[in-house]
PDB file of all heavy atoms in Angstrom:
ATOM      1  N   PHE A   1      39.259 -62.713  -8.281  1.00  0.00           N
ATOM      2  CA  PHE A   1      39.669 -62.930  -6.812  1.00  0.00           C
ATOM      3  C   PHE A   1      40.709 -61.961  -6.374  1.00  0.00           C
ATOM      4  O   PHE A   1      41.517 -61.483  -7.122  1.00  0.00           O
ATOM      5  CB  PHE A   1      40.215 -64.375  -6.725  1.00  0.00           C
ATOM      6  CG  PHE A   1      39.325 -65.518  -7.246  1.00  0.00           C
ATOM      7  CD1 PHE A   1      39.436 -65.953  -8.570  1.00  0.00           C
ATOM      8  CD2 PHE A   1      38.260 -65.971  -6.411  1.00  0.00           C
ATOM      9  CE1 PHE A   1      38.652 -66.894  -9.106  1.00  0.00           C
ATOM     10  CE2 PHE A   1      37.351 -66.874  -6.996  1.00  0.00           C
ATOM     11  CZ  PHE A   1      37.574 -67.478  -8.246  1.00  0.00           C
ATOM     12  N   THR A   2      40.608 -61.740  -5.061  1.00  0.00           N
ATOM     13  CA  THR A   2      41.725 -61.036  -4.330  1.00  0.00           C
ATOM     14  C   THR A   2      42.238 -62.080  -3.340  1.00  0.00           C
ATOM     15  O   THR A   2      41.443 -62.769  -2.726  1.00  0.00           O
ATOM     16  CB  THR A   2      41.271 -59.702  -3.680  1.00  0.00           C
ATOM     17  OG1 THR A   2      40.141 -60.000  -2.823  1.00  0.00           O
ATOM     18  CG2 THR A   2      40.929 -58.700  -4.749  1.00  0.00           C
ATOM     19  N   ALA A   3      43.517 -61.999  -3.041  1.00  0.00           N
ATOM     20  CA  ALA A   3      44.053 -62.968  -2.103  1.00  0.00           C
ATOM     21  C   ALA A   3      45.189 -62.294  -1.247  1.00  0.00           C
ATOM     22  O   ALA A   3      46.147 -61.671  -1.867  1.00  0.00           O
ATOM     23  CB  ALA A   3      44.597 -64.134  -2.779  1.00  0.00           C
ATOM     24  N   GLY A   4      45.128 -62.381   0.008  1.00  0.00           N
ATOM     25  CA  GLY A   4      46.142 -61.856   0.932  1.00  0.00           C
ATOM     26  C   GLY A   4      46.064 -62.581   2.206  1.00  0.00           C
ATOM     27  O   GLY A   4      45.352 -63.608   2.435  1.00  0.00           O
ATOM     28  N   GLU A   5      46.826 -62.102   3.252  1.00  0.00           N
ATOM     29  CA  GLU A   5      46.916 -62.643   4.565  1.00  0.00           C
ATOM     30  C   GLU A   5      45.509 -62.787   5.257  1.00  0.00           C
ATOM     31  O   GLU A   5      45.188 -63.708   5.958  1.00  0.00           O
ATOM     32  CB  GLU A   5      47.883 -62.024   5.424  1.00  0.00           C
ATOM     33  CG  GLU A   5      49.356 -62.265   4.968  1.00  0.00           C
ATOM     34  CD  GLU A   5      50.377 -61.577   5.878  1.00  0.00           C
ATOM     35  OE1 GLU A   5      49.943 -60.952   6.878  1.00  0.00           O
ATOM     36  OE2 GLU A   5      51.563 -61.536   5.491  1.00  0.00           O
ATOM     37  N   LYS A   6      44.729 -61.720   5.090  1.00  0.00           N
ATOM     38  CA  LYS A   6      43.483 -61.661   5.771  1.00  0.00           C
ATOM     39  C   LYS A   6      42.390 -62.552   5.184  1.00  0.00           C
ATOM     40  O   LYS A   6      41.633 -63.214   5.865  1.00  0.00           O
ATOM     41  CB  LYS A   6      42.995 -60.159   5.875  1.00  0.00           C
ATOM     42  CG  LYS A   6      43.833 -59.370   6.824  1.00  0.00           C
ATOM     43  CD  LYS A   6      43.109 -57.945   7.074  1.00  0.00           C
ATOM     44  CE  LYS A   6      43.982 -57.136   8.038  1.00  0.00           C
ATOM     45  NZ  LYS A   6      43.282 -55.734   8.228  1.00  0.00           N
ATOM     46  N   GLU A   7      42.271 -62.517   3.858  1.00  0.00           N
ATOM     47  CA  GLU A   7      41.142 -63.239   3.236  1.00  0.00           C
ATOM     48  C   GLU A   7      41.435 -63.516   1.745  1.00  0.00           C
ATOM     49  O   GLU A   7      42.205 -62.761   1.085  1.00  0.00           O
ATOM     50  CB  GLU A   7      39.864 -62.485   3.382  1.00  0.00           C
ATOM     51  CG  GLU A   7      39.799 -61.195   2.516  1.00  0.00           C
ATOM     52  CD  GLU A   7      38.431 -60.519   2.623  1.00  0.00           C
ATOM     53  OE1 GLU A   7      37.687 -60.692   3.640  1.00  0.00           O
ATOM     54  OE2 GLU A   7      38.072 -59.758   1.717  1.00  0.00           O
ATOM     55  N   VAL A   8      40.789 -64.598   1.311  1.00  0.00           N
ATOM     56  CA  VAL A   8      40.715 -64.902  -0.139  1.00  0.00           C
ATOM     57  C   VAL A   8      39.250 -64.648  -0.405  1.00  0.00           C
ATOM     58  O   VAL A   8      38.430 -65.190   0.244  1.00  0.00           O
ATOM     59  CB  VAL A   8      41.132 -66.380  -0.461  1.00  0.00           C
ATOM     60  CG1 VAL A   8      40.717 -66.674  -1.840  1.00  0.00           C
ATOM     61  CG2 VAL A   8      42.586 -66.531  -0.207  1.00  0.00           C
ATOM     62  N   ARG A   9      38.925 -63.781  -1.398  1.00  0.00           N
ATOM     63  CA  ARG A   9      37.573 -63.436  -1.725  1.00  0.00           C
ATOM     64  C   ARG A   9      37.243 -63.445  -3.172  1.00  0.00           C
ATOM     65  O   ARG A   9      38.095 -63.098  -4.035  1.00  0.00           O
ATOM     66  CB  ARG A   9      37.325 -62.024  -1.169  1.00  0.00           C
ATOM     67  CG  ARG A   9      35.833 -61.587  -1.331  1.00  0.00           C
ATOM     68  CD  ARG A   9      35.658 -60.105  -0.939  1.00  0.00           C
ATOM     69  NE  ARG A   9      35.606 -59.933   0.536  1.00  0.00           N
ATOM     70  CZ  ARG A   9      34.465 -59.646   1.213  1.00  0.00           C
ATOM     71  NH1 ARG A   9      33.331 -59.566   0.636  1.00  0.00           N
ATOM     72  NH2 ARG A   9      34.679 -59.481   2.452  1.00  0.00           N
ATOM     73  N   ALA A  10      36.042 -63.919  -3.483  1.00  0.00           N
ATOM     74  CA  ALA A  10      35.555 -63.849  -4.863  1.00  0.00           C
ATOM     75  C   ALA A  10      34.647 -62.679  -4.984  1.00  0.00           C
ATOM     76  O   ALA A  10      33.815 -62.386  -4.185  1.00  0.00           O
ATOM     77  CB  ALA A  10      34.758 -65.117  -5.198  1.00  0.00           C
ATOM     78  N   TRP A  11      34.877 -61.890  -6.082  1.00  0.00           N
ATOM     79  CA  TRP A  11      34.146 -60.644  -6.312  1.00  0.00           C
ATOM     80  C   TRP A  11      33.274 -60.802  -7.601  1.00  0.00           C
ATOM     81  O   TRP A  11      33.758 -61.118  -8.690  1.00  0.00           O
ATOM     82  CB  TRP A  11      34.995 -59.482  -6.557  1.00  0.00           C
ATOM     83  CG  TRP A  11      35.838 -59.210  -5.257  1.00  0.00           C
ATOM     84  CD1 TRP A  11      37.093 -59.616  -5.058  1.00  0.00           C
ATOM     85  CD2 TRP A  11      35.488 -58.370  -4.242  1.00  0.00           C
ATOM     86  NE1 TRP A  11      37.507 -59.152  -3.740  1.00  0.00           N
ATOM     87  CE2 TRP A  11      36.578 -58.378  -3.204  1.00  0.00           C
ATOM     88  CE3 TRP A  11      34.357 -57.592  -3.806  1.00  0.00           C
ATOM     89  CZ2 TRP A  11      36.584 -57.688  -2.088  1.00  0.00           C
ATOM     90  CZ3 TRP A  11      34.323 -56.895  -2.643  1.00  0.00           C
ATOM     91  CH2 TRP A  11      35.404 -56.975  -1.698  1.00  0.00           C
ATOM     92  N   PRO A  12      31.926 -60.650  -7.551  1.00  0.00           N
ATOM     93  CA  PRO A  12      31.090 -60.812  -8.669  1.00  0.00           C
ATOM     94  C   PRO A  12      31.126 -59.571  -9.593  1.00  0.00           C
ATOM     95  O   PRO A  12      31.003 -58.411  -9.094  1.00  0.00           O
ATOM     96  CB  PRO A  12      29.688 -60.951  -8.086  1.00  0.00           C
ATOM     97  CG  PRO A  12      29.727 -60.225  -6.809  1.00  0.00           C
ATOM     98  CD  PRO A  12      31.129 -60.358  -6.311  1.00  0.00           C
ATOM     99  N   ILE A  13      31.308 -59.806 -10.875  1.00  0.00           N
ATOM    100  CA  ILE A  13      31.290 -58.649 -11.874  1.00  0.00           C
ATOM    101  C   ILE A  13      30.576 -59.191 -13.107  1.00  0.00           C
ATOM    102  O   ILE A  13      30.618 -60.381 -13.452  1.00  0.00           O
ATOM    103  CB  ILE A  13      32.751 -58.159 -12.235  1.00  0.00           C
ATOM    104  CG1 ILE A  13      33.660 -59.418 -12.649  1.00  0.00           C
ATOM    105  CG2 ILE A  13      33.376 -57.467 -11.109  1.00  0.00           C
ATOM    106  CD1 ILE A  13      34.972 -58.969 -13.281  1.00  0.00           C
ATOM    107  N   PRO A  14      30.026 -58.173 -13.856  1.00  0.00           N
ATOM    108  CA  PRO A  14      29.378 -58.593 -15.091  1.00  0.00           C
ATOM    109  C   PRO A  14      30.524 -58.950 -16.164  1.00  0.00           C
ATOM    110  O   PRO A  14      31.588 -58.424 -16.125  1.00  0.00           O
ATOM    111  CB  PRO A  14      28.700 -57.237 -15.581  1.00  0.00           C
ATOM    112  CG  PRO A  14      28.665 -56.369 -14.410  1.00  0.00           C
ATOM    113  CD  PRO A  14      29.823 -56.778 -13.526  1.00  0.00           C
ATOM    114  N   GLN A  15      30.174 -59.904 -17.004  1.00  0.00           N
ATOM    115  CA  GLN A  15      31.082 -60.308 -18.061  1.00  0.00           C
ATOM    116  C   GLN A  15      31.300 -59.057 -18.865  1.00  0.00           C
ATOM    117  O   GLN A  15      30.318 -58.309 -19.269  1.00  0.00           O
ATOM    118  CB  GLN A  15      30.488 -61.410 -18.898  1.00  0.00           C
ATOM    119  CG  GLN A  15      30.453 -62.720 -18.069  1.00  0.00           C
ATOM    120  CD  GLN A  15      29.863 -63.856 -18.891  1.00  0.00           C
ATOM    121  OE1 GLN A  15      29.877 -63.826 -20.063  1.00  0.00           O
ATOM    122  NE2 GLN A  15      29.236 -64.839 -18.209  1.00  0.00           N
ATOM    123  N   GLY A  16      32.553 -58.741 -19.284  1.00  0.00           N
ATOM    124  CA  GLY A  16      32.882 -57.633 -20.040  1.00  0.00           C
ATOM    125  C   GLY A  16      33.321 -56.417 -19.155  1.00  0.00           C
ATOM    126  O   GLY A  16      33.673 -55.363 -19.749  1.00  0.00           O
ATOM    127  N   ALA A  17      33.315 -56.550 -17.865  1.00  0.00           N
ATOM    128  CA  ALA A  17      33.723 -55.420 -17.037  1.00  0.00           C
ATOM    129  C   ALA A  17      35.239 -55.097 -17.129  1.00  0.00           C
ATOM    130  O   ALA A  17      36.095 -56.054 -17.335  1.00  0.00           O
ATOM    131  CB  ALA A  17      33.425 -55.773 -15.553  1.00  0.00           C
ATOM    132  N   THR A  18      35.588 -53.837 -17.107  1.00  0.00           N
ATOM    133  CA  THR A  18      37.022 -53.533 -17.182  1.00  0.00           C
ATOM    134  C   THR A  18      37.608 -53.528 -15.832  1.00  0.00           C
ATOM    135  O   THR A  18      36.950 -53.629 -14.846  1.00  0.00           O
ATOM    136  CB  THR A  18      37.097 -52.063 -17.781  1.00  0.00           C
ATOM    137  OG1 THR A  18      36.455 -51.113 -16.852  1.00  0.00           O
ATOM    138  CG2 THR A  18      36.528 -51.886 -19.108  1.00  0.00           C
ATOM    139  N   ALA A  19      38.980 -53.440 -15.788  1.00  0.00           N
ATOM    140  CA  ALA A  19      39.671 -53.470 -14.523  1.00  0.00           C
ATOM    141  C   ALA A  19      39.220 -52.359 -13.522  1.00  0.00           C
ATOM    142  O   ALA A  19      38.962 -52.594 -12.373  1.00  0.00           O
ATOM    143  CB  ALA A  19      41.205 -53.401 -14.786  1.00  0.00           C
ATOM    144  N   PRO A  20      39.083 -51.116 -13.909  1.00  0.00           N
ATOM    145  CA  PRO A  20      38.540 -50.068 -13.031  1.00  0.00           C
ATOM    146  C   PRO A  20      37.102 -50.348 -12.505  1.00  0.00           C
ATOM    147  O   PRO A  20      36.868 -50.130 -11.381  1.00  0.00           O
ATOM    148  CB  PRO A  20      38.549 -48.787 -13.878  1.00  0.00           C
ATOM    149  CG  PRO A  20      39.550 -49.041 -14.903  1.00  0.00           C
ATOM    150  CD  PRO A  20      39.427 -50.492 -15.297  1.00  0.00           C
ATOM    151  N   GLN A  21      36.287 -50.937 -13.334  1.00  0.00           N
ATOM    152  CA  GLN A  21      34.970 -51.209 -12.974  1.00  0.00           C
ATOM    153  C   GLN A  21      34.967 -52.405 -11.853  1.00  0.00           C
ATOM    154  O   GLN A  21      34.258 -52.430 -10.917  1.00  0.00           O
ATOM    155  CB  GLN A  21      34.111 -51.731 -14.145  1.00  0.00           C
ATOM    156  CG  GLN A  21      33.686 -50.526 -15.026  1.00  0.00           C
ATOM    157  CD  GLN A  21      33.149 -51.042 -16.387  1.00  0.00           C
ATOM    158  OE1 GLN A  21      33.362 -52.110 -16.827  1.00  0.00           O
ATOM    159  NE2 GLN A  21      32.351 -50.143 -17.018  1.00  0.00           N
ATOM    160  N   ALA A  22      35.893 -53.321 -12.112  1.00  0.00           N
ATOM    161  CA  ALA A  22      36.004 -54.401 -11.183  1.00  0.00           C
ATOM    162  C   ALA A  22      36.541 -53.917  -9.846  1.00  0.00           C
ATOM    163  O   ALA A  22      36.116 -54.360  -8.770  1.00  0.00           O
ATOM    164  CB  ALA A  22      37.055 -55.488 -11.726  1.00  0.00           C
ATOM    165  N   ALA A  23      37.524 -52.935  -9.914  1.00  0.00           N
ATOM    166  CA  ALA A  23      38.055 -52.329  -8.637  1.00  0.00           C
ATOM    167  C   ALA A  23      36.950 -51.622  -7.950  1.00  0.00           C
ATOM    168  O   ALA A  23      36.887 -51.646  -6.638  1.00  0.00           O
ATOM    169  CB  ALA A  23      39.175 -51.409  -9.038  1.00  0.00           C
ATOM    170  N   GLY A  24      35.985 -50.993  -8.639  1.00  0.00           N
ATOM    171  CA  GLY A  24      34.907 -50.257  -8.029  1.00  0.00           C
ATOM    172  C   GLY A  24      33.870 -51.178  -7.266  1.00  0.00           C
ATOM    173  O   GLY A  24      33.165 -50.685  -6.386  1.00  0.00           O
ATOM    174  N   VAL A  25      33.970 -52.471  -7.559  1.00  0.00           N
ATOM    175  CA  VAL A  25      33.084 -53.378  -6.782  1.00  0.00           C
ATOM    176  C   VAL A  25      33.545 -53.516  -5.374  1.00  0.00           C
ATOM    177  O   VAL A  25      32.772 -53.686  -4.445  1.00  0.00           O
ATOM    178  CB  VAL A  25      32.999 -54.865  -7.544  1.00  0.00           C
ATOM    179  CG1 VAL A  25      32.267 -55.788  -6.657  1.00  0.00           C
ATOM    180  CG2 VAL A  25      32.366 -54.652  -8.770  1.00  0.00           C
ATOM    181  N   ILE A  26      34.913 -53.358  -5.125  1.00  0.00           N
ATOM    182  CA  ILE A  26      35.455 -53.445  -3.852  1.00  0.00           C
ATOM    183  C   ILE A  26      35.163 -52.056  -3.135  1.00  0.00           C
ATOM    184  O   ILE A  26      34.671 -52.088  -1.966  1.00  0.00           O
ATOM    185  CB  ILE A  26      37.043 -53.621  -3.851  1.00  0.00           C
ATOM    186  CG1 ILE A  26      37.317 -54.976  -4.542  1.00  0.00           C
ATOM    187  CG2 ILE A  26      37.590 -53.545  -2.472  1.00  0.00           C
ATOM    188  CD1 ILE A  26      38.831 -55.154  -4.805  1.00  0.00           C
ATOM    189  N   HIS A  27      35.407 -50.969  -3.792  1.00  0.00           N
ATOM    190  CA  HIS A  27      35.205 -49.640  -3.202  1.00  0.00           C
ATOM    191  C   HIS A  27      35.101 -48.644  -4.342  1.00  0.00           C
ATOM    192  O   HIS A  27      36.005 -48.694  -5.273  1.00  0.00           O
ATOM    193  CB  HIS A  27      36.153 -49.234  -2.227  1.00  0.00           C
ATOM    194  CG  HIS A  27      35.741 -48.139  -1.288  1.00  0.00           C
ATOM    195  ND1 HIS A  27      35.706 -46.815  -1.765  1.00  0.00           N
ATOM    196  CD2 HIS A  27      35.376 -48.092   0.008  1.00  0.00           C
ATOM    197  CE1 HIS A  27      35.252 -46.097  -0.771  1.00  0.00           C
ATOM    198  NE2 HIS A  27      35.088 -46.788   0.339  1.00  0.00           N
ATOM    199  N   SER A  28      34.226 -47.699  -4.404  1.00  0.00           N
ATOM    200  CA  SER A  28      34.119 -46.718  -5.356  1.00  0.00           C
ATOM    201  C   SER A  28      35.365 -45.887  -5.557  1.00  0.00           C
ATOM    202  O   SER A  28      35.711 -45.485  -6.706  1.00  0.00           O
ATOM    203  CB  SER A  28      32.897 -45.762  -5.187  1.00  0.00           C
ATOM    204  OG  SER A  28      33.066 -45.150  -3.917  1.00  0.00           O
ATOM    205  N   ASP A  29      36.083 -45.670  -4.498  1.00  0.00           N
ATOM    206  CA  ASP A  29      37.397 -44.924  -4.537  1.00  0.00           C
ATOM    207  C   ASP A  29      38.424 -45.687  -5.419  1.00  0.00           C
ATOM    208  O   ASP A  29      39.273 -45.040  -5.992  1.00  0.00           O
ATOM    209  CB  ASP A  29      37.931 -44.714  -3.142  1.00  0.00           C
ATOM    210  CG  ASP A  29      37.181 -43.635  -2.348  1.00  0.00           C
ATOM    211  OD1 ASP A  29      36.365 -42.841  -3.031  1.00  0.00           O
ATOM    212  OD2 ASP A  29      37.342 -43.461  -1.154  1.00  0.00           O
ATOM    213  N   PHE A  30      38.376 -46.927  -5.347  1.00  0.00           N
ATOM    214  CA  PHE A  30      39.316 -47.774  -6.157  1.00  0.00           C
ATOM    215  C   PHE A  30      39.148 -47.545  -7.536  1.00  0.00           C
ATOM    216  O   PHE A  30      40.063 -47.508  -8.385  1.00  0.00           O
ATOM    217  CB  PHE A  30      39.123 -49.353  -5.885  1.00  0.00           C
ATOM    218  CG  PHE A  30      39.711 -49.741  -4.581  1.00  0.00           C
ATOM    219  CD1 PHE A  30      39.837 -48.941  -3.463  1.00  0.00           C
ATOM    220  CD2 PHE A  30      40.073 -51.092  -4.329  1.00  0.00           C
ATOM    221  CE1 PHE A  30      40.304 -49.336  -2.265  1.00  0.00           C
ATOM    222  CE2 PHE A  30      40.563 -51.537  -3.166  1.00  0.00           C
ATOM    223  CZ  PHE A  30      40.649 -50.656  -2.068  1.00  0.00           C
ATOM    224  N   GLU A  31      37.896 -47.343  -8.020  1.00  0.00           N
ATOM    225  CA  GLU A  31      37.656 -47.089  -9.482  1.00  0.00           C
ATOM    226  C   GLU A  31      38.016 -45.741  -9.845  1.00  0.00           C
ATOM    227  O   GLU A  31      38.648 -45.481 -10.847  1.00  0.00           O
ATOM    228  CB  GLU A  31      36.108 -47.303  -9.781  1.00  0.00           C
ATOM    229  CG  GLU A  31      35.740 -47.130 -11.208  1.00  0.00           C
ATOM    230  CD  GLU A  31      34.312 -47.468 -11.535  1.00  0.00           C
ATOM    231  OE1 GLU A  31      33.585 -47.948 -10.592  1.00  0.00           O
ATOM    232  OE2 GLU A  31      33.977 -47.375 -12.763  1.00  0.00           O
ATOM    233  N   LYS A  32      37.714 -44.676  -8.923  1.00  0.00           N
ATOM    234  CA  LYS A  32      38.085 -43.341  -9.240  1.00  0.00           C
ATOM    235  C   LYS A  32      39.561 -43.135  -9.324  1.00  0.00           C
ATOM    236  O   LYS A  32      40.066 -42.360 -10.191  1.00  0.00           O
ATOM    237  CB  LYS A  32      37.454 -42.450  -8.173  1.00  0.00           C
ATOM    238  CG  LYS A  32      35.906 -42.356  -8.206  1.00  0.00           C
ATOM    239  CD  LYS A  32      35.453 -41.567  -6.950  1.00  0.00           C
ATOM    240  CE  LYS A  32      33.907 -41.641  -6.771  1.00  0.00           C
ATOM    241  NZ  LYS A  32      33.422 -41.052  -5.472  1.00  0.00           N
ATOM    242  N   GLY A  33      40.269 -43.710  -8.411  1.00  0.00           N
ATOM    243  CA  GLY A  33      41.713 -43.567  -8.402  1.00  0.00           C
ATOM    244  C   GLY A  33      42.544 -44.645  -9.037  1.00  0.00           C
ATOM    245  O   GLY A  33      43.752 -44.790  -8.743  1.00  0.00           O
TER     246      GLY A  33
END
């Protein structure tokens, strides 16, 4: 989950995904950087 003033959102990821891979579900730039 991500949570802030604008929204609380659930993000689907495969079991075993790493933090960078999870960030990439939001935006590919998040994973790269």
